[in-house]
């Protein structure tokens, strides 16, 4: 998790994944409570809070700003984030902040 100032944070922030040796922000489109739960458990937390997920609650600095972004979709039953579905590349279009 990366906080609004770009520092690593231990509970709140922008989720990024390592994609082809580059840290890539996770797109808010398609990111659900199940996605949050699996991501948080993958980082050693007991689960996720109730949101909000995306920019609405925290402002534009929390949203991904670099391309490409990664679209992560989990249903909540996955054991870790690597078992979730994901898409990256020029066909991923994230809503603007």
C-alpha atoms as a PDB file:
ATOM      1  CA  UNK A   1       0.000   0.000   0.000  1.00  0.00           C
ATOM      2  CA  UNK A   2       1.289   3.447  -0.931  1.00  0.00           C
ATOM      3  CA  UNK A   3      -0.052   6.486   0.925  1.00  0.00           C
ATOM      4  CA  UNK A   4      -1.019   9.860  -0.576  1.00  0.00           C
ATOM      5  CA  UNK A   5       2.565  11.140  -0.275  1.00  0.00           C
ATOM      6  CA  UNK A   6       4.095   8.114  -1.984  1.00  0.00           C
ATOM      7  CA  UNK A   7       5.305   6.440   1.209  1.00  0.00           C
ATOM      8  CA  UNK A   8       4.726   2.804   2.085  1.00  0.00           C
ATOM      9  CA  UNK A   9       1.838   2.601   4.516  1.00  0.00           C
ATOM     10  CA  UNK A  10       0.736  -0.155   6.834  1.00  0.00           C
ATOM     11  CA  UNK A  11      -3.027   0.021   6.562  1.00  0.00           C
ATOM     12  CA  UNK A  12      -4.440   2.603   4.179  1.00  0.00           C
ATOM     13  CA  UNK A  13      -3.373   3.557   0.690  1.00  0.00           C
ATOM     14  CA  UNK A  14      -3.228   2.797  -3.002  1.00  0.00           C
ATOM     15  CA  UNK A  15      -2.792  -0.887  -3.784  1.00  0.00           C
ATOM     16  CA  UNK A  16      -0.029  -1.711  -6.247  1.00  0.00           C
ATOM     17  CA  UNK A  17       1.080  -5.049  -7.697  1.00  0.00           C
ATOM     18  CA  UNK A  18       4.445  -6.070  -9.119  1.00  0.00           C
ATOM     19  CA  UNK A  19       3.846  -6.532 -12.838  1.00  0.00           C
ATOM     20  CA  UNK A  20       6.773  -7.353 -15.121  1.00  0.00           C
ATOM     21  CA  UNK A  21       9.243  -5.935 -12.571  1.00  0.00           C
ATOM     22  CA  UNK A  22       7.327  -2.637 -12.244  1.00  0.00           C
ATOM     23  CA  UNK A  23       5.037  -1.587  -9.390  1.00  0.00           C
ATOM     24  CA  UNK A  24       1.676  -0.907 -11.015  1.00  0.00           C
ATOM     25  CA  UNK A  25      -1.420   0.686  -9.418  1.00  0.00           C
ATOM     26  CA  UNK A  26      -4.550  -1.423  -9.214  1.00  0.00           C
ATOM     27  CA  UNK A  27      -7.485   0.074 -11.072  1.00  0.00           C
ATOM     28  CA  UNK A  28     -10.538   0.974  -9.005  1.00  0.00           C
ATOM     29  CA  UNK A  29     -12.875  -0.368 -11.725  1.00  0.00           C
ATOM     30  CA  UNK A  30     -13.911  -3.889 -10.799  1.00  0.00           C
ATOM     31  CA  UNK A  31     -12.288  -3.644  -7.362  1.00  0.00           C
ATOM     32  CA  UNK A  32     -14.821  -5.061  -4.933  1.00  0.00           C
ATOM     33  CA  UNK A  33     -15.078  -5.905  -1.238  1.00  0.00           C
ATOM     34  CA  UNK A  34     -13.892  -9.415  -2.197  1.00  0.00           C
ATOM     35  CA  UNK A  35     -10.842  -7.949  -3.951  1.00  0.00           C
ATOM     36  CA  UNK A  36     -10.052  -5.814  -0.910  1.00  0.00           C
ATOM     37  CA  UNK A  37     -10.421  -8.748   1.458  1.00  0.00           C
ATOM     38  CA  UNK A  38      -8.068 -10.995  -0.530  1.00  0.00           C
ATOM     39  CA  UNK A  39      -5.515  -8.207  -1.062  1.00  0.00           C
ATOM     40  CA  UNK A  40      -5.460  -7.327   2.632  1.00  0.00           C
ATOM     41  CA  UNK A  41      -5.159 -10.966   3.703  1.00  0.00           C
ATOM     42  CA  UNK A  42      -2.286 -11.386   1.202  1.00  0.00           C
ATOM     43  CA  UNK A  43      -0.474  -8.573   3.042  1.00  0.00           C
ATOM     44  CA  UNK A  44      -0.971 -10.206   6.435  1.00  0.00           C
ATOM     45  CA  UNK A  45      -4.037  -8.289   7.629  1.00  0.00           C
ATOM     46  CA  UNK A  46      -7.077 -10.140   8.981  1.00  0.00           C
ATOM     47  CA  UNK A  47      -9.305  -8.690   6.247  1.00  0.00           C
ATOM     48  CA  UNK A  48     -10.525  -5.416   4.781  1.00  0.00           C
ATOM     49  CA  UNK A  49     -12.651  -2.643   6.177  1.00  0.00           C
ATOM     50  CA  UNK A  50     -15.899  -1.645   4.558  1.00  0.00           C
ATOM     51  CA  UNK A  51     -14.391   0.930   2.190  1.00  0.00           C
ATOM     52  CA  UNK A  52     -14.752   3.263   0.477  1.00  0.00           C
ATOM     53  CA  UNK A  53     -12.662   1.744  -2.288  1.00  0.00           C
ATOM     54  CA  UNK A  54     -11.352   4.077  -4.958  1.00  0.00           C
ATOM     55  CA  UNK A  55     -10.813   7.808  -4.995  1.00  0.00           C
ATOM     56  CA  UNK A  56     -14.091   8.936  -3.513  1.00  0.00           C
ATOM     57  CA  UNK A  57     -13.061   8.672   0.107  1.00  0.00           C
ATOM     58  CA  UNK A  58      -9.458   9.773  -0.094  1.00  0.00           C
ATOM     59  CA  UNK A  59      -8.974  12.148  -3.019  1.00  0.00           C
ATOM     60  CA  UNK A  60      -7.188  11.895  -6.349  1.00  0.00           C
ATOM     61  CA  UNK A  61      -3.735  11.231  -4.889  1.00  0.00           C
ATOM     62  CA  UNK A  62      -4.914   7.762  -3.890  1.00  0.00           C
ATOM     63  CA  UNK A  63      -5.708   6.743  -7.453  1.00  0.00           C
ATOM     64  CA  UNK A  64      -3.193   5.269  -9.834  1.00  0.00           C
ATOM     65  CA  UNK A  65      -1.374   7.865 -11.853  1.00  0.00           C
ATOM     66  CA  UNK A  66       0.925   5.776 -13.991  1.00  0.00           C
ATOM     67  CA  UNK A  67       0.035   3.550 -16.904  1.00  0.00           C
ATOM     68  CA  UNK A  68      -0.575   0.758 -17.414  1.00  0.00           C
ATOM     69  CA  UNK A  69      -2.901   0.106 -14.544  1.00  0.00           C
ATOM     70  CA  UNK A  70      -3.861  -3.393 -13.474  1.00  0.00           C
ATOM     71  CA  UNK A  71      -7.480  -4.493 -13.178  1.00  0.00           C
ATOM     72  CA  UNK A  72      -7.802  -6.944 -10.287  1.00  0.00           C
ATOM     73  CA  UNK A  73     -10.963  -8.958  -9.693  1.00  0.00           C
ATOM     74  CA  UNK A  74     -11.387 -11.335  -6.754  1.00  0.00           C
ATOM     75  CA  UNK A  75     -14.589 -12.895  -5.424  1.00  0.00           C
ATOM     76  CA  UNK A  76     -13.203 -13.160  -1.889  1.00  0.00           C
ATOM     77  CA  UNK A  77     -12.691 -16.916  -1.781  1.00  0.00           C
ATOM     78  CA  UNK A  78      -9.135 -16.861  -3.190  1.00  0.00           C
ATOM     79  CA  UNK A  79      -6.323 -17.852  -0.843  1.00  0.00           C
ATOM     80  CA  UNK A  80      -4.088 -15.009  -2.039  1.00  0.00           C
ATOM     81  CA  UNK A  81      -3.975 -12.234  -4.590  1.00  0.00           C
ATOM     82  CA  UNK A  82      -2.148 -14.372  -7.166  1.00  0.00           C
ATOM     83  CA  UNK A  83      -5.276 -16.530  -7.512  1.00  0.00           C
ATOM     84  CA  UNK A  84      -7.443 -13.553  -8.532  1.00  0.00           C
ATOM     85  CA  UNK A  85      -8.237 -12.660 -12.115  1.00  0.00           C
ATOM     86  CA  UNK A  86      -6.308  -9.721 -13.488  1.00  0.00           C
ATOM     87  CA  UNK A  87      -5.800  -7.794 -16.700  1.00  0.00           C
ATOM     88  CA  UNK A  88      -3.154  -5.325 -17.740  1.00  0.00           C
ATOM     89  CA  UNK A  89      -2.159  -3.547 -20.883  1.00  0.00           C
ATOM     90  CA  UNK A  90      -3.694  -1.235 -23.409  1.00  0.00           C
ATOM     91  CA  UNK A  91      -7.129  -2.860 -23.115  1.00  0.00           C
ATOM     92  CA  UNK A  92      -7.527  -1.829 -19.450  1.00  0.00           C
ATOM     93  CA  UNK A  93      -9.306   1.495 -19.159  1.00  0.00           C
ATOM     94  CA  UNK A  94      -9.789   2.833 -15.653  1.00  0.00           C
ATOM     95  CA  UNK A  95     -12.315   5.494 -14.796  1.00  0.00           C
ATOM     96  CA  UNK A  96     -10.798   8.914 -14.319  1.00  0.00           C
ATOM     97  CA  UNK A  97     -10.457  10.197 -10.779  1.00  0.00           C
END
